[in-house]
Protein backbone atom coordinates (compact mmCIF):
# COMPACT_ATOMS: atom_id res chain seq x y z
CA MET A 1 0.00 0.00 0.00
CA PRO A 2 1.53 3.35 -1.04
CA PRO A 3 2.12 6.00 1.62
CA PRO A 4 -0.62 8.62 2.00
CA SER A 5 -0.26 11.60 -0.27
CA ASN A 6 -1.03 15.25 0.24
CA ILE A 7 0.07 18.72 -0.73
CA THR A 8 -0.06 21.46 1.89
CA PHE A 9 0.49 25.21 1.66
CA ASP A 10 1.86 27.40 4.45
CA ASP A 11 1.66 31.14 3.81
CA SER A 12 2.17 32.20 7.44
CA LEU A 13 5.48 33.85 6.43
CA TRP A 14 4.09 35.51 3.28
CA PRO A 15 5.68 36.64 0.97
CA LEU A 16 7.33 33.27 1.52
CA LEU A 17 5.12 30.37 0.49
CA VAL A 18 6.06 26.88 1.68
CA VAL A 19 4.53 23.98 -0.24
CA ARG A 20 4.98 20.47 1.14
CA PHE A 21 4.51 17.37 -0.99
CA ALA A 22 4.05 13.91 0.53
CA GLY A 23 3.72 10.69 -1.42
CA THR A 24 2.53 10.69 -5.02
CA PRO A 25 -0.40 13.08 -5.38
CA THR A 26 -3.63 11.91 -6.96
CA ASP A 27 -4.66 13.71 -10.14
CA GLU A 28 -7.33 15.51 -8.10
CA GLN A 29 -4.78 16.63 -5.49
CA PHE A 30 -2.44 17.80 -8.22
CA GLY A 31 -5.22 19.79 -9.89
CA GLU A 32 -6.03 21.39 -6.53
CA TYR A 33 -2.33 22.23 -6.09
CA LEU A 34 -2.23 24.02 -9.45
CA ALA A 35 -5.42 25.95 -8.64
CA ARG A 36 -4.10 26.94 -5.22
CA ARG A 37 -0.75 27.97 -6.66
CA GLN A 38 -2.64 30.12 -9.17
CA SER A 39 -4.49 31.81 -6.31
CA TYR A 40 -1.16 33.04 -4.94
CA LEU A 41 -0.16 34.40 -8.35
CA ASP A 42 -3.54 36.16 -8.49
CA ARG A 43 -2.48 38.23 -5.46
CA LYS A 44 -0.13 40.08 -7.82
CA GLN A 45 2.54 40.26 -5.10
CA LYS A 46 6.21 39.35 -5.36
CA HIS A 47 7.00 36.22 -3.38
CA ALA A 48 9.50 33.40 -2.93
CA LEU A 49 8.74 29.71 -2.59
CA ILE A 50 10.06 26.71 -0.78
CA TYR A 51 8.98 23.32 -2.05
CA ASP A 52 9.59 20.69 0.61
CA THR A 53 9.80 17.37 -1.23
CA VAL A 54 11.47 15.29 1.50
CA ARG A 55 8.41 12.99 1.73
CA PHE A 56 7.57 13.25 -1.98
CA GLN A 57 7.49 10.13 -4.11
CA VAL A 58 7.05 11.03 -7.79
CA LEU A 59 4.71 12.78 -10.21
CA THR A 60 2.98 10.68 -12.82
CA ASN A 61 3.91 11.36 -16.44
CA GLU A 62 0.60 13.18 -16.92
CA GLN A 63 1.15 15.33 -13.82
CA ARG A 64 4.69 16.16 -14.90
CA GLN A 65 3.36 17.30 -18.30
CA ARG A 66 0.59 19.34 -16.63
CA GLN A 67 3.24 21.05 -14.47
CA ILE A 68 5.37 21.84 -17.53
CA ASP A 69 2.36 23.22 -19.43
CA TRP A 70 1.22 25.24 -16.39
CA LEU A 71 4.66 26.81 -15.96
CA LYS A 72 5.01 27.60 -19.67
CA ALA A 73 1.56 29.25 -19.76
CA ARG A 74 2.49 31.47 -16.81
CA ALA A 75 6.11 32.23 -17.64
CA ASP A 76 5.58 36.00 -17.90
CA THR A 77 3.59 36.18 -14.66
CA MET A 78 6.12 33.99 -12.87
CA LYS A 79 8.98 36.16 -14.11
CA GLU A 80 7.19 39.25 -12.77
CA LEU A 81 6.01 37.90 -9.39
CA SER A 82 8.13 34.92 -8.36
CA LEU A 83 11.46 35.79 -6.79
CA GLY A 84 12.49 32.14 -7.09
CA SER A 85 11.89 28.67 -5.76
CA ALA A 86 14.05 26.66 -3.39
CA LEU A 87 13.37 22.95 -3.54
CA VAL A 88 14.30 20.73 -0.61
CA ILE A 89 15.34 17.56 -2.39
CA THR A 90 16.90 14.52 -0.77
CA SER A 91 15.71 11.90 -3.26
CA PRO A 92 17.55 11.20 -6.52
CA VAL A 93 14.16 10.48 -8.17
CA ALA A 94 12.77 13.85 -7.06
CA ARG A 95 15.95 15.55 -8.27
CA MET A 96 15.56 13.89 -11.68
CA THR A 97 11.87 14.91 -11.86
CA LEU A 98 12.85 18.50 -11.08
CA SER A 99 15.51 18.47 -13.79
CA ILE A 100 12.98 17.23 -16.36
CA VAL A 101 10.33 19.80 -15.39
CA LEU A 102 12.79 22.68 -15.37
CA HIS A 103 14.33 21.65 -18.67
CA PHE A 104 11.05 21.34 -20.56
CA SER A 105 9.27 24.28 -18.92
CA GLN A 106 12.25 26.58 -19.52
CA ALA A 107 11.82 27.98 -16.02
CA ALA A 108 11.40 31.75 -15.98
CA THR A 109 12.56 32.23 -12.39
CA PRO A 110 15.64 31.26 -10.36
CA THR A 111 15.63 27.86 -8.69
CA HIS A 112 17.82 26.38 -6.00
CA ALA A 113 18.09 22.72 -5.05
CA ALA A 114 18.63 22.56 -1.28
CA ARG A 115 19.43 19.57 0.89
CA SER A 116 17.60 20.91 3.96
CA LEU A 117 14.76 23.23 4.93
CA PRO A 118 17.11 25.72 6.66
CA GLU A 119 19.27 25.88 3.51
CA ALA A 120 16.16 26.52 1.40
CA ALA A 121 14.95 29.18 3.85
CA ARG A 122 18.33 30.93 3.79
CA TRP A 123 18.23 31.06 -0.02
CA ALA A 124 14.60 32.24 -0.11
CA ALA A 125 15.33 34.92 2.50
CA SER A 126 18.23 36.18 0.39
CA ARG A 127 15.89 36.44 -2.62
CA LEU A 128 13.36 38.43 -0.54
CA HIS A 129 16.12 40.68 0.80
CA ALA A 130 17.51 41.33 -2.70
CA ALA A 131 14.02 42.39 -3.81
CA GLY A 132 13.86 45.00 -1.04
CA LEU A 133 11.67 42.91 1.28
CA VAL A 134 14.16 43.29 4.11
CA LYS A 135 11.78 42.94 7.09
CA GLU A 136 10.10 39.94 5.51
CA ALA A 137 13.48 38.31 4.86
CA GLN A 138 14.46 38.84 8.50
CA ARG A 139 11.17 37.30 9.65
CA VAL A 140 11.97 34.19 7.59
CA ARG A 141 15.50 33.98 9.01
CA THR A 142 14.22 34.35 12.55
CA HIS A 143 11.49 31.73 12.04
CA PHE A 144 13.99 29.17 10.77
CA GLY A 145 16.65 30.03 13.39
CA LEU A 146 19.14 31.29 10.85
CA ASN A 147 21.92 33.75 11.57
CA PRO A 148 20.52 37.21 10.93
CA GLN A 149 22.08 39.23 8.16
CA HIS A 150 22.03 42.90 8.91
CA SER A 151 21.07 45.32 6.20
CA THR A 152 22.61 48.71 5.57
CA ALA A 153 19.29 49.87 4.14
């Protein structure tokens, strides 16, 4: 019996969005993920993302293609609003899936493959800081127990 699957969103540190994948999502769960992700783009606010895939299994071929198509259709919006995505990846299969999706979607925003959540948070905070979201970046660093980086701004 496969492990339970789900996709959760945590926007408590907005403009940082943390998306956690567990197992292999059903097609319905994946469709809900795409709709929910769209709702964050609809806010028209710059933001950074962390995708936590530590408990992720794999996307189906159809889901992988849907993700590629979704990203391609929103490339301009993503370029405008997404400051980048850090992906916590510990599985070689998940790393390969990411490589395929990024290659075929021609990702419009920076990505970073991290080996831990703190590493991903540090990268995401640096993206927020570089975009002028200094207080928000500090909130992320504090939440994840990272060494604060002081700004001269």
